[in-house]
Amino acid sequence: MAYVALYRTYRPKTFSEVAGQKVIIKTLQNSITHNKIGHAYLFSGPRGTGKTSIAKIFAKAVNCLNPHEGNPCNECDICKGLDKGDISDVIEIDAASNNGVDEIRDLRDKVKYMPGASKYKVYIIDEVHMLTTGAFNALLKTLEEPPKHVIFILATTEAYKIPATILSRCQRFDFKNLDTDEIYDKLSEISEKESINIDDEAKQMIAVSAEGGMRDALSLFDQIISYAGNSITLDDVHQVSGSVATNALIDILEALDKKQVQVALNILIELIQSGKEVSRITSDLIRALRDLLLEKKTTVKNPKYDRLKHFNVNKIYFYLDILNKLQNDLKYTHQKRMYIELAFIKMVDHHMLKQIDYDAEIENLKLEIQELKTQAREIPVPTKTLIPQDKKPLVTSKVIEEILNNGDKEKRLILDNGWAALKDYPIDELKLAAHLLSQAQLVAVSNKMLIVYEDLSFCEQIMSKELKKQVFKILNNKQKLIDDYYAIQKSDWEYVLNHYKQQYQQGIEFPTIPEHDFKLYEQPKIKKDKTPEVVSLAKEYFGDKVIVED
């Protein structure tokens, strides 16, 4: 016996066997139960969502001799005859190949004849939007006032192409894409009947790949069975469907987040060489970002995306904008690989990313402050250290307070973006200063800059007058960014930050910092003795009043 495809083998024969479309099914069942059957119906919606199957079940149910709650019994002579094709009272017409005026005129002539064995003669016209304007006009009058024994069911995937005069004469039912869970349940049922051993993840991926179409899901399932046999894994689904493994998608997104564009491109090349299509890679990346966004915005948790849980929501939106545009552009180009490579570069080197990263840093700081509020209402202020009276400080609490309370986001972004380049500064006479500066952590910028070192000796070096001149040349090279800068030790910065946070959480808009010894002082000038050595010896032997003449 010839093999029959799964979507044909498991085509539903009653309304209860149909997956999804519950509202439509209930409406049709009630119309049969209460004998309120219309003369014309329009079934519109995406492919593979059950339009033709439900049309056939409805055609059988209205003619069934023993219907039960609107369902055909499938046992009476009418049901069996319609299933076998022995009764020709249900006529299927493919409008794609029978779309002319002559075909519709022929149909119009035949509708007046009574059904052979059934109560109703049912015409199912598939892809009805393919009819010509003349054909629609020929159908119009018959559709408006058909004989009482005739029912028309028009099916289409493009309802907007159907004239309003036709639409107004039909009861319209809009079919929806099936939920992933509905497709998953149907696959589970079929795999059990067919004795197919298939992983849950594999069924889930087939359901996702079908994009809401049950026929597409069963066709793909059929293809995977031919490839893998009766034991199917997730990898088999990826191989046949062309979908991309979640780990590869996460690797790409993680590399882009870390600005490792070459790593992302290498993964892309491997996927393309293994047979994955660029358009599928793009759609799977969008799906992964959508799942990640759902995890952040809802209670849905997916442990697969733990490596990306640090992603900022604004960055996800930014990536989605680029990939959605890429998906549209791929429809109109043959250079798909070049387009996706350019998209990857844009995802790591776009001016908006700088603002997104900065906003994320601010948001993290707010969360940290909120955590401090939760953990403890009172944070003890560290004991302040007084400055020795005989010392003149290079850094004071007052100047740091001014920097923190007058932060300049734009200058901070400019300095942050150029900080990494300090290690390889091109001007030889400034390399030492640039390298020392690169070892610091930039913590605040106003018209002045505050940096932090682990070691106090670095602070002393960078604050020396000689190095300050060089640092100003480096930082103010293209535009004047700062008037001055200050360096402090990390332990002192922790003192400052701790005190600043405490006041910030108390609602103080401009926190103050108490006097503190940052252990950085001006060095006393050493007077050099320019007196000639001979004169010094003379003074030693003859006293200070010695007179020296030329």
Protein backbone atom coordinates (compact mmCIF):
# COMPACT_ATOMS: atom_id res chain seq x y z
CA MET A 1 0.00 0.00 0.00
CA ALA A 2 1.36 3.45 -0.94
CA TYR A 3 2.63 5.63 1.90
CA VAL A 4 0.25 8.41 2.96
CA ALA A 5 1.70 11.63 4.36
CA LEU A 6 1.04 12.31 8.03
CA TYR A 7 -0.97 15.46 7.41
CA ARG A 8 -3.35 13.39 5.23
CA THR A 9 -3.39 10.37 7.53
CA TYR A 10 -4.28 12.50 10.54
CA ARG A 11 -6.60 14.97 8.83
CA PRO A 12 -9.42 15.44 11.41
CA LYS A 13 -12.76 13.78 10.64
CA THR A 14 -14.76 15.42 13.43
CA PHE A 15 -14.68 18.85 15.05
CA SER A 16 -13.36 17.34 18.29
CA GLU A 17 -10.21 16.14 16.47
CA VAL A 18 -9.33 19.64 15.22
CA ALA A 19 -6.45 21.39 17.01
CA GLY A 20 -7.23 25.01 17.88
CA GLN A 21 -9.96 27.27 16.34
CA LYS A 22 -12.25 26.57 19.31
CA VAL A 23 -14.50 29.61 18.80
CA ILE A 24 -15.05 28.85 15.11
CA ILE A 25 -15.79 25.20 15.81
CA LYS A 26 -18.28 25.98 18.58
CA THR A 27 -20.11 28.50 16.36
CA LEU A 28 -20.40 26.02 13.50
CA GLN A 29 -21.53 23.20 15.81
CA ASN A 30 -24.22 25.40 17.34
CA SER A 31 -25.48 26.44 13.91
CA ILE A 32 -25.90 22.75 13.01
CA THR A 33 -27.48 21.83 16.36
CA HIS A 34 -30.01 24.69 16.17
CA ASN A 35 -30.54 24.32 12.41
CA LYS A 36 -29.35 27.86 11.67
CA ILE A 37 -27.17 27.03 8.71
CA GLY A 38 -26.10 29.89 6.47
CA HIS A 39 -25.93 29.76 2.70
CA ALA A 40 -22.36 31.15 2.36
CA TYR A 41 -19.28 31.10 4.58
CA LEU A 42 -15.84 32.63 4.20
CA PHE A 43 -12.92 30.88 5.91
CA SER A 44 -9.83 33.14 5.89
CA GLY A 45 -6.47 32.76 7.57
CA PRO A 46 -2.87 31.52 7.26
CA ARG A 47 -2.03 28.27 5.52
CA GLY A 48 -2.27 24.99 7.40
CA THR A 49 -4.64 26.28 10.10
CA GLY A 50 -7.57 23.97 9.27
CA LYS A 51 -9.73 25.92 6.80
CA THR A 52 -10.26 23.10 4.29
CA SER A 53 -10.44 20.39 6.97
CA ILE A 54 -13.15 22.23 8.92
CA ALA A 55 -14.99 22.97 5.67
CA LYS A 56 -15.10 19.23 4.87
CA ILE A 57 -16.21 18.32 8.41
CA PHE A 58 -18.93 20.98 8.28
CA ALA A 59 -20.09 19.73 4.84
CA LYS A 60 -20.32 16.21 6.23
CA ALA A 61 -22.01 17.31 9.46
CA VAL A 62 -24.85 19.22 7.74
CA ASN A 63 -25.63 16.10 5.69
CA CYS A 64 -25.09 13.48 8.45
CA LEU A 65 -28.12 11.34 9.26
CA ASN A 66 -27.19 11.07 12.96
CA PRO A 67 -25.22 14.19 14.01
CA HIS A 68 -24.18 14.39 17.65
CA GLU A 69 -23.76 17.89 19.11
CA GLY A 70 -22.94 19.22 15.67
CA ASN A 71 -20.38 16.49 14.89
CA PRO A 72 -20.81 14.00 12.03
CA CYS A 73 -21.26 10.44 13.22
CA ASN A 74 -18.92 8.99 10.57
CA GLU A 75 -21.02 5.79 10.71
CA CYS A 76 -24.07 6.52 8.56
CA ASP A 77 -24.19 5.86 4.82
CA ILE A 78 -23.88 9.56 4.00
CA CYS A 79 -20.74 10.03 6.13
CA LYS A 80 -19.11 6.91 4.75
CA GLY A 81 -20.08 7.75 1.19
CA LEU A 82 -18.66 11.26 1.47
CA ASP A 83 -15.43 9.93 3.02
CA LYS A 84 -14.96 7.39 0.22
CA GLY A 85 -15.99 9.80 -2.53
CA ASP A 86 -18.95 7.66 -3.56
CA ILE A 87 -21.33 10.59 -2.98
CA SER A 88 -20.56 13.65 -5.06
CA ASP A 89 -22.66 16.21 -3.21
CA VAL A 90 -19.58 17.92 -1.71
CA ILE A 91 -17.70 19.59 -4.57
CA GLU A 92 -14.19 20.98 -4.07
CA ILE A 93 -13.02 23.59 -6.56
CA ASP A 94 -9.49 24.95 -6.80
CA ALA A 95 -9.93 28.59 -7.78
CA ALA A 96 -6.23 28.88 -8.61
CA SER A 97 -6.74 26.71 -11.71
CA ASN A 98 -10.46 27.31 -12.28
CA ASN A 99 -10.60 31.05 -11.97
CA GLY A 100 -12.26 32.14 -15.21
CA VAL A 101 -15.76 33.34 -16.01
CA ASP A 102 -16.60 30.16 -17.93
CA GLU A 103 -15.87 27.89 -14.95
CA ILE A 104 -18.04 29.98 -12.62
CA ARG A 105 -20.86 30.12 -15.18
CA ASP A 106 -20.71 26.34 -15.41
CA LEU A 107 -20.89 26.16 -11.59
CA ARG A 108 -23.84 28.59 -11.62
CA ASP A 109 -25.70 26.35 -14.07
CA LYS A 110 -25.16 23.21 -11.98
CA VAL A 111 -26.16 24.57 -8.55
CA LYS A 112 -29.85 24.43 -9.47
CA TYR A 113 -29.72 20.63 -9.61
CA MET A 114 -30.72 18.85 -6.39
CA PRO A 115 -28.13 16.83 -4.43
CA GLY A 116 -27.91 13.17 -5.34
CA ALA A 117 -28.17 11.56 -1.89
CA SER A 118 -27.62 14.27 0.69
CA LYS A 119 -29.65 17.12 2.10
CA TYR A 120 -27.25 19.82 0.91
CA LYS A 121 -24.95 20.27 -2.04
CA VAL A 122 -21.83 21.96 -0.61
CA TYR A 123 -19.34 23.85 -2.80
CA ILE A 124 -15.89 24.36 -1.22
CA ILE A 125 -13.96 26.91 -3.31
CA ASP A 126 -10.32 26.95 -2.18
CA GLU A 127 -8.02 29.95 -2.78
CA VAL A 128 -11.09 31.92 -3.84
CA HIS A 129 -9.07 35.16 -4.00
CA MET A 130 -7.56 33.83 -7.26
CA LEU A 131 -10.84 34.30 -9.16
CA THR A 132 -10.82 37.02 -11.80
CA THR A 133 -13.02 40.10 -11.53
CA GLY A 134 -15.35 38.66 -14.15
CA ALA A 135 -15.57 35.36 -12.27
CA PHE A 136 -16.44 37.15 -9.02
CA ASN A 137 -19.18 39.07 -10.84
CA ALA A 138 -20.54 35.84 -12.27
CA LEU A 139 -20.58 34.26 -8.79
CA LEU A 140 -22.17 37.26 -7.10
CA LYS A 141 -25.83 36.71 -7.93
CA THR A 142 -25.73 32.99 -7.16
CA LEU A 143 -23.94 33.66 -3.87
CA GLU A 144 -26.57 36.21 -2.89
CA GLU A 145 -29.62 34.01 -3.57
CA PRO A 146 -28.54 30.38 -3.95
CA PRO A 147 -31.05 27.51 -4.00
CA LYS A 148 -32.03 26.30 -0.52
CA HIS A 149 -30.15 23.05 -1.04
CA VAL A 150 -26.77 24.75 -1.74
CA ILE A 151 -24.09 25.96 0.70
CA PHE A 152 -20.97 27.82 -0.40
CA ILE A 153 -17.75 27.71 1.66
CA LEU A 154 -15.05 30.03 0.34
CA ALA A 155 -11.52 29.52 1.67
CA THR A 156 -8.65 31.97 1.25
CA THR A 157 -5.33 33.04 2.70
CA GLU A 158 -5.75 36.59 1.36
CA ALA A 159 -9.20 37.87 2.28
CA TYR A 160 -8.26 41.47 1.42
CA LYS A 161 -8.28 40.52 -2.30
CA ILE A 162 -11.94 39.52 -2.23
CA PRO A 163 -14.45 42.17 -3.37
CA ALA A 164 -16.56 43.77 -0.65
CA THR A 165 -19.72 42.69 -2.49
CA ILE A 166 -18.72 39.04 -1.97
CA LEU A 167 -17.60 39.55 1.65
CA SER A 168 -20.91 41.17 2.61
CA ARG A 169 -22.82 38.06 1.52
CA CYS A 170 -20.81 35.60 3.64
CA GLN A 171 -20.50 34.70 7.28
CA ARG A 172 -16.79 35.34 7.84
CA PHE A 173 -14.56 33.24 10.09
CA ASP A 174 -10.97 34.35 10.63
CA PHE A 175 -8.68 31.43 11.40
CA LYS A 176 -5.67 32.07 13.66
CA ASN A 177 -2.23 30.52 13.77
CA LEU A 178 -2.15 27.63 16.23
CA ASP A 179 -0.36 28.00 19.54
CA THR A 180 2.91 26.16 19.95
CA ASP A 181 1.36 24.09 22.76
CA GLU A 182 -1.51 22.98 20.52
CA ILE A 183 0.91 21.79 17.85
CA TYR A 184 3.11 20.16 20.50
CA ASP A 185 0.14 18.20 21.90
CA LYS A 186 -0.83 16.99 18.41
CA LEU A 187 2.74 15.87 17.71
CA SER A 188 2.77 13.98 21.01
CA GLU A 189 -0.46 12.22 20.09
CA ILE A 190 0.77 11.25 16.62
CA SER A 191 4.23 10.13 17.76
CA GLU A 192 2.59 7.84 20.32
CA LYS A 193 0.28 6.30 17.68
CA GLU A 194 3.17 5.89 15.22
CA SER A 195 5.55 4.52 17.93
CA ILE A 196 8.05 7.32 17.30
CA ASN A 197 10.55 8.03 20.11
CA ILE A 198 11.06 11.79 20.01
CA ASP A 199 12.58 14.15 22.59
CA ASP A 200 10.35 16.81 24.15
CA GLU A 201 12.78 19.51 22.99
CA ALA A 202 12.58 18.15 19.44
CA LYS A 203 8.77 18.33 19.47
CA GLN A 204 8.95 21.85 20.83
CA MET A 205 11.35 22.92 18.07
CA ILE A 206 9.11 21.40 15.36
CA ALA A 207 6.15 23.30 16.82
CA VAL A 208 8.13 26.55 16.84
CA SER A 209 9.45 26.00 13.30
CA ALA A 210 5.91 25.45 11.98
CA GLU A 211 5.03 29.07 12.89
CA GLY A 212 1.43 28.26 13.75
CA GLY A 213 0.63 25.91 10.84
CA MET A 214 -0.37 22.34 11.73
CA ARG A 215 0.13 21.09 8.16
CA ASP A 216 3.65 22.57 8.11
CA ALA A 217 4.40 20.89 11.44
CA LEU A 218 3.25 17.46 10.22
CA SER A 219 5.10 17.82 6.90
CA LEU A 220 8.31 18.70 8.77
CA PHE A 221 7.71 15.81 11.20
CA ASP A 222 7.30 13.47 8.22
CA GLN A 223 10.57 14.70 6.74
CA ILE A 224 12.45 14.27 10.01
CA ILE A 225 11.15 10.70 10.38
CA SER A 226 12.51 9.93 6.89
CA TYR A 227 15.89 11.37 7.95
CA ALA A 228 16.25 9.98 11.49
CA GLY A 229 13.93 6.99 11.63
CA ASN A 230 11.86 6.20 14.72
CA SER A 231 14.23 7.85 17.20
CA ILE A 232 14.41 11.64 16.87
CA THR A 233 16.58 14.14 18.77
CA LEU A 234 16.73 17.92 18.82
CA ASP A 235 19.84 17.83 16.63
CA ASP A 236 17.91 15.90 13.97
CA VAL A 237 15.30 18.66 13.91
CA HIS A 238 18.01 21.32 13.52
CA GLN A 239 19.60 19.38 10.68
CA VAL A 240 16.39 18.93 8.69
CA SER A 241 14.62 22.22 9.43
CA GLY A 242 17.70 24.43 9.10
CA SER A 243 17.05 25.96 12.53
CA VAL A 244 19.98 27.04 14.68
CA ALA A 245 20.83 25.46 18.03
CA THR A 246 20.13 27.70 21.02
CA ASN A 247 23.74 27.48 22.24
CA ALA A 248 25.01 28.89 18.93
CA LEU A 249 22.53 31.77 19.13
CA ILE A 250 23.61 32.55 22.70
CA ASP A 251 27.29 32.41 21.67
CA ILE A 252 26.63 34.97 18.92
CA LEU A 253 24.69 37.34 21.18
CA GLU A 254 27.26 37.03 23.96
CA ALA A 255 30.10 37.81 21.55
CA LEU A 256 28.24 40.86 20.19
CA ASP A 257 27.56 42.09 23.72
CA LYS A 258 31.29 41.84 24.52
CA LYS A 259 32.06 43.65 21.22
CA GLN A 260 33.89 40.56 19.95
CA VAL A 261 32.66 40.94 16.40
CA GLN A 262 35.25 38.54 14.93
CA VAL A 263 34.06 35.76 17.28
CA ALA A 264 30.45 36.35 16.20
CA LEU A 265 31.44 36.33 12.52
CA ASN A 266 33.37 33.06 12.96
CA ILE A 267 30.27 31.39 14.45
CA LEU A 268 28.20 32.79 11.58
CA ILE A 269 30.61 31.34 8.99
CA GLU A 270 30.46 27.91 10.67
CA LEU A 271 26.65 27.96 10.61
CA ILE A 272 26.53 28.96 6.94
CA GLN A 273 29.08 26.28 6.02
CA SER A 274 26.96 23.69 7.83
CA GLY A 275 24.00 24.56 5.58
CA LYS A 276 22.08 27.12 7.66
CA GLU A 277 20.41 29.91 5.70
CA VAL A 278 21.11 33.52 6.64
CA SER A 279 17.39 34.32 6.80
CA ARG A 280 16.85 31.42 9.22
CA ILE A 281 19.80 32.49 11.40
CA THR A 282 18.30 35.98 11.53
CA SER A 283 14.80 34.78 12.47
CA ASP A 284 16.23 32.45 15.14
CA LEU A 285 18.24 35.31 16.65
CA ILE A 286 15.04 37.37 16.80
CA ARG A 287 13.26 34.46 18.46
CA ALA A 288 16.06 34.11 21.04
CA LEU A 289 15.89 37.83 21.88
CA ARG A 290 12.12 37.60 22.11
CA ASP A 291 12.42 34.69 24.60
CA LEU A 292 15.00 36.66 26.59
CA LEU A 293 12.72 39.72 26.66
CA LEU A 294 9.79 37.60 27.84
CA GLU A 295 11.94 36.21 30.63
CA LYS A 296 12.81 39.73 31.78
CA LYS A 297 9.29 41.15 31.48
CA THR A 298 7.20 38.18 32.67
CA THR A 299 7.39 35.31 35.13
CA VAL A 300 8.44 32.92 32.33
CA LYS A 301 11.92 31.56 33.10
CA ASN A 302 14.20 29.81 30.65
CA PRO A 303 17.46 28.53 32.16
CA LYS A 304 18.99 28.29 28.66
CA TYR A 305 19.42 32.06 28.65
CA ASP A 306 21.19 32.39 32.02
CA ARG A 307 24.36 33.52 30.21
CA LEU A 308 22.45 36.50 28.82
CA LYS A 309 20.57 37.49 31.97
CA HIS A 310 22.80 40.58 32.35
CA PHE A 311 21.44 41.97 29.05
CA ASN A 312 19.85 45.37 29.46
CA VAL A 313 16.28 45.60 28.08
CA ASN A 314 17.19 48.65 25.97
CA LYS A 315 20.01 46.67 24.37
CA ILE A 316 17.57 43.85 23.51
CA TYR A 317 15.26 46.39 21.84
CA PHE A 318 18.23 47.87 19.96
CA TYR A 319 19.33 44.44 18.68
CA LEU A 320 15.75 43.60 17.67
CA ASP A 321 15.45 46.82 15.64
CA ILE A 322 18.60 45.97 13.69
CA LEU A 323 17.62 42.33 13.10
CA ASN A 324 14.04 43.19 12.09
CA LYS A 325 15.39 45.63 9.49
CA LEU A 326 17.88 42.99 8.35
CA GLN A 327 15.08 40.43 7.99
CA ASN A 328 13.20 42.81 5.70
CA ASP A 329 16.33 43.72 3.68
CA LEU A 330 17.17 40.04 3.09
CA LYS A 331 14.00 39.67 1.00
CA TYR A 332 15.41 42.00 -1.65
CA THR A 333 19.07 41.01 -1.92
CA HIS A 334 21.20 38.09 -3.08
CA GLN A 335 24.13 39.21 -0.88
CA LYS A 336 22.60 37.91 2.32
CA ARG A 337 25.89 37.07 4.04
CA MET A 338 27.24 40.58 3.53
CA TYR A 339 24.06 42.10 4.96
CA ILE A 340 24.14 40.02 8.15
CA GLU A 341 27.87 40.71 8.65
CA LEU A 342 27.19 44.45 8.39
CA ALA A 343 24.34 44.05 10.87
CA PHE A 344 26.70 42.33 13.36
CA ILE A 345 29.20 45.18 13.04
CA LYS A 346 26.43 47.70 13.63
CA MET A 347 25.40 45.78 16.75
CA VAL A 348 28.82 46.35 18.32
CA ASP A 349 29.79 49.74 16.91
CA HIS A 350 26.80 52.09 16.97
CA HIS A 351 26.70 55.42 18.76
CA MET A 352 23.44 54.46 20.51
CA LEU A 353 25.19 51.60 22.30
CA LYS A 354 27.28 54.05 24.31
CA GLN A 355 24.19 55.70 25.73
CA ILE A 356 22.55 52.31 26.33
CA ASP A 357 25.59 51.06 28.25
CA TYR A 358 25.77 54.28 30.25
CA ASP A 359 22.06 54.11 31.12
CA ALA A 360 22.54 50.50 32.19
CA GLU A 361 25.38 51.56 34.47
CA ILE A 362 23.14 54.21 36.07
CA GLU A 363 20.33 51.67 36.44
CA ASN A 364 22.68 49.22 38.12
CA LEU A 365 23.78 51.95 40.52
CA LYS A 366 20.14 52.67 41.40
CA LEU A 367 19.53 48.97 42.02
CA GLU A 368 22.61 48.81 44.20
CA ILE A 369 21.34 51.77 46.22
CA GLN A 370 17.93 50.12 46.55
CA GLU A 371 19.59 46.96 47.83
CA LEU A 372 21.44 49.01 50.42
CA LYS A 373 18.12 50.49 51.55
CA THR A 374 16.66 47.02 51.95
CA GLN A 375 19.64 45.53 53.75
CA ALA A 376 20.12 48.31 56.25
CA ARG A 377 18.40 51.58 57.04
CA GLU A 378 21.48 53.01 58.70
CA ILE A 379 24.99 52.72 57.41
CA PRO A 380 27.68 53.72 59.90
CA VAL A 381 29.89 56.53 58.68
CA PRO A 382 33.56 55.59 58.79
CA THR A 383 35.67 57.51 61.24
CA LYS A 384 37.17 60.47 59.44
CA THR A 385 40.88 61.08 59.42
CA LEU A 386 42.02 64.65 60.09
CA ILE A 387 44.66 66.26 57.91
CA PRO A 388 47.97 67.00 59.74
CA GLN A 389 48.33 70.73 60.38
CA ASP A 390 51.81 70.95 58.92
CA LYS A 391 50.72 69.45 55.59
CA LYS A 392 49.08 71.11 52.58
CA PRO A 393 46.73 68.60 50.88
CA LEU A 394 46.68 68.06 47.11
CA VAL A 395 43.16 66.59 47.31
CA THR A 396 40.33 67.74 49.58
CA SER A 397 36.86 66.43 50.36
CA LYS A 398 35.40 69.68 49.05
CA VAL A 399 36.82 69.32 45.54
CA ILE A 400 35.67 65.66 45.28
CA GLU A 401 32.23 66.67 46.51
CA GLU A 402 32.03 69.28 43.73
CA ILE A 403 33.02 66.75 41.07
CA LEU A 404 30.42 64.19 42.21
CA ASN A 405 27.61 66.75 42.46
CA ASN A 406 28.32 68.27 39.02
CA GLY A 407 28.78 65.17 36.88
CA ASP A 408 28.92 65.64 33.10
CA LYS A 409 27.57 62.55 31.25
CA GLU A 410 28.81 63.67 27.83
CA LYS A 411 32.39 64.20 28.97
CA ARG A 412 32.29 60.91 30.88
CA LEU A 413 31.25 59.05 27.71
CA ILE A 414 34.00 60.69 25.65
CA LEU A 415 36.69 59.82 28.22
CA ASP A 416 35.37 56.28 28.73
CA ASN A 417 35.43 55.59 25.00
CA GLY A 418 39.05 56.66 24.66
CA TRP A 419 40.40 55.15 27.88
CA ALA A 420 41.34 51.77 26.41
CA ALA A 421 43.47 53.47 23.73
CA LEU A 422 45.77 55.01 26.37
CA LYS A 423 47.81 51.80 26.60
CA ASP A 424 49.00 52.22 23.00
CA TYR A 425 49.33 55.99 22.89
CA PRO A 426 51.19 56.97 19.67
CA ILE A 427 53.23 60.00 20.85
CA ASP A 428 56.51 58.83 22.35
CA GLU A 429 57.09 61.68 24.84
CA LEU A 430 53.59 61.14 26.28
CA LYS A 431 53.60 57.33 26.40
CA LEU A 432 54.70 57.10 30.06
CA ALA A 433 51.98 59.46 31.25
CA ALA A 434 49.36 57.73 29.06
CA HIS A 435 50.32 54.29 30.36
CA LEU A 436 50.17 55.43 33.99
CA LEU A 437 46.81 57.07 33.33
CA SER A 438 45.46 53.87 31.74
CA GLN A 439 46.09 52.00 35.01
CA ALA A 440 43.57 54.24 36.79
CA GLN A 441 39.83 53.75 37.15
CA LEU A 442 37.82 56.74 35.94
CA VAL A 443 35.04 57.30 38.51
CA ALA A 444 33.67 60.83 37.99
CA VAL A 445 33.92 63.80 35.60
CA SER A 446 32.67 67.39 35.75
CA ASN A 447 34.96 70.18 34.55
CA LYS A 448 37.45 68.22 36.67
CA MET A 449 38.20 64.51 36.67
CA LEU A 450 38.51 62.02 39.53
CA ILE A 451 40.50 58.80 39.08
CA VAL A 452 41.33 55.96 41.47
CA TYR A 453 44.41 53.74 41.93
CA GLU A 454 45.03 50.69 44.08
CA ASP A 455 48.40 52.06 45.20
CA LEU A 456 49.04 55.47 46.72
CA SER A 457 52.39 55.79 44.94
CA PHE A 458 50.60 55.90 41.57
CA CYS A 459 48.44 58.74 42.85
CA GLU A 460 51.57 60.68 43.88
CA GLN A 461 53.20 60.17 40.49
CA ILE A 462 50.17 61.18 38.38
CA MET A 463 49.59 64.26 40.57
CA SER A 464 53.14 65.57 40.10
CA LYS A 465 53.44 68.85 38.15
CA GLU A 466 55.58 67.30 35.41
CA LEU A 467 53.08 64.51 34.67
CA LYS A 468 50.08 66.82 34.99
CA LYS A 469 51.29 68.86 32.03
CA GLN A 470 51.57 65.69 29.95
CA VAL A 471 48.15 64.39 31.07
CA PHE A 472 46.48 67.64 30.05
CA LYS A 473 48.05 67.34 26.58
CA ILE A 474 46.62 63.82 26.27
CA LEU A 475 43.10 64.46 27.55
CA ASN A 476 42.60 67.90 26.00
CA ASN A 477 44.20 66.99 22.68
CA LYS A 478 41.11 67.36 20.44
CA GLN A 479 38.92 69.49 22.70
CA LYS A 480 39.22 70.89 26.18
CA LEU A 481 37.51 68.38 28.47
CA ILE A 482 38.93 69.10 31.93
CA ASP A 483 40.54 71.97 33.82
CA ASP A 484 42.13 69.75 36.45
CA TYR A 485 42.13 66.23 37.80
CA TYR A 486 42.66 64.41 41.10
CA ALA A 487 43.79 60.90 41.93
CA ILE A 488 43.00 59.08 45.18
CA GLN A 489 43.61 55.63 46.59
CA LYS A 490 40.88 52.98 46.24
CA SER A 491 40.34 52.66 50.00
CA ASP A 492 39.73 56.42 50.22
CA TRP A 493 37.32 56.25 47.28
CA GLU A 494 35.34 53.54 49.10
CA TYR A 495 35.09 55.89 52.09
CA VAL A 496 33.82 58.72 49.86
CA LEU A 497 31.37 56.50 47.94
CA ASN A 498 30.01 54.92 51.11
CA HIS A 499 29.31 58.32 52.68
CA TYR A 500 27.87 59.69 49.43
CA LYS A 501 25.48 56.73 49.04
CA GLN A 502 24.27 57.05 52.60
CA GLN A 503 23.16 60.63 52.05
CA TYR A 504 21.76 59.85 48.59
CA GLN A 505 19.49 57.14 50.00
CA GLN A 506 18.26 59.62 52.59
CA GLY A 507 17.05 61.87 49.77
CA ILE A 508 19.78 64.51 49.95
CA GLU A 509 20.12 65.98 46.46
CA PHE A 510 23.69 67.26 46.86
CA PRO A 511 25.51 65.11 49.44
CA THR A 512 28.51 66.51 51.31
CA ILE A 513 31.72 64.74 52.23
CA PRO A 514 33.35 65.38 55.63
CA GLU A 515 36.97 66.39 55.93
CA HIS A 516 39.25 63.49 55.18
CA ASP A 517 42.99 62.91 54.84
CA PHE A 518 43.69 61.47 51.37
CA LYS A 519 47.41 61.25 52.28
CA LEU A 520 48.49 63.34 49.29
CA TYR A 521 50.41 66.52 50.14
CA GLU A 522 52.46 69.20 48.43
CA GLN A 523 56.15 68.48 48.78
CA PRO A 524 58.21 71.31 50.40
CA LYS A 525 60.58 73.05 48.04
CA ILE A 526 64.23 72.18 48.64
CA LYS A 527 66.44 75.25 48.33
CA LYS A 528 69.58 74.52 46.42
CA ASP A 529 72.79 76.09 47.84
CA LYS A 530 74.43 77.95 44.94
CA THR A 531 77.36 79.24 47.04
CA PRO A 532 80.71 78.21 45.53
CA GLU A 533 82.55 75.49 47.45
CA VAL A 534 85.60 77.77 48.11
CA VAL A 535 83.41 80.41 49.75
CA SER A 536 81.75 77.79 51.89
CA LEU A 537 85.12 76.58 53.14
CA ALA A 538 86.18 80.15 53.87
CA LYS A 539 83.07 80.74 55.92
CA GLU A 540 83.74 77.54 57.81
CA TYR A 541 87.26 78.71 58.83
CA PHE A 542 86.88 82.50 59.10
CA GLY A 543 83.17 82.94 60.01
CA ASP A 544 80.09 84.25 58.21
CA LYS A 545 81.43 87.82 57.87
CA VAL A 546 84.13 86.91 55.41
CA ILE A 547 84.29 89.22 52.42
CA VAL A 548 84.89 87.76 49.00
CA GLU A 549 86.04 90.00 46.23
CA ASP A 550 86.43 89.21 42.54
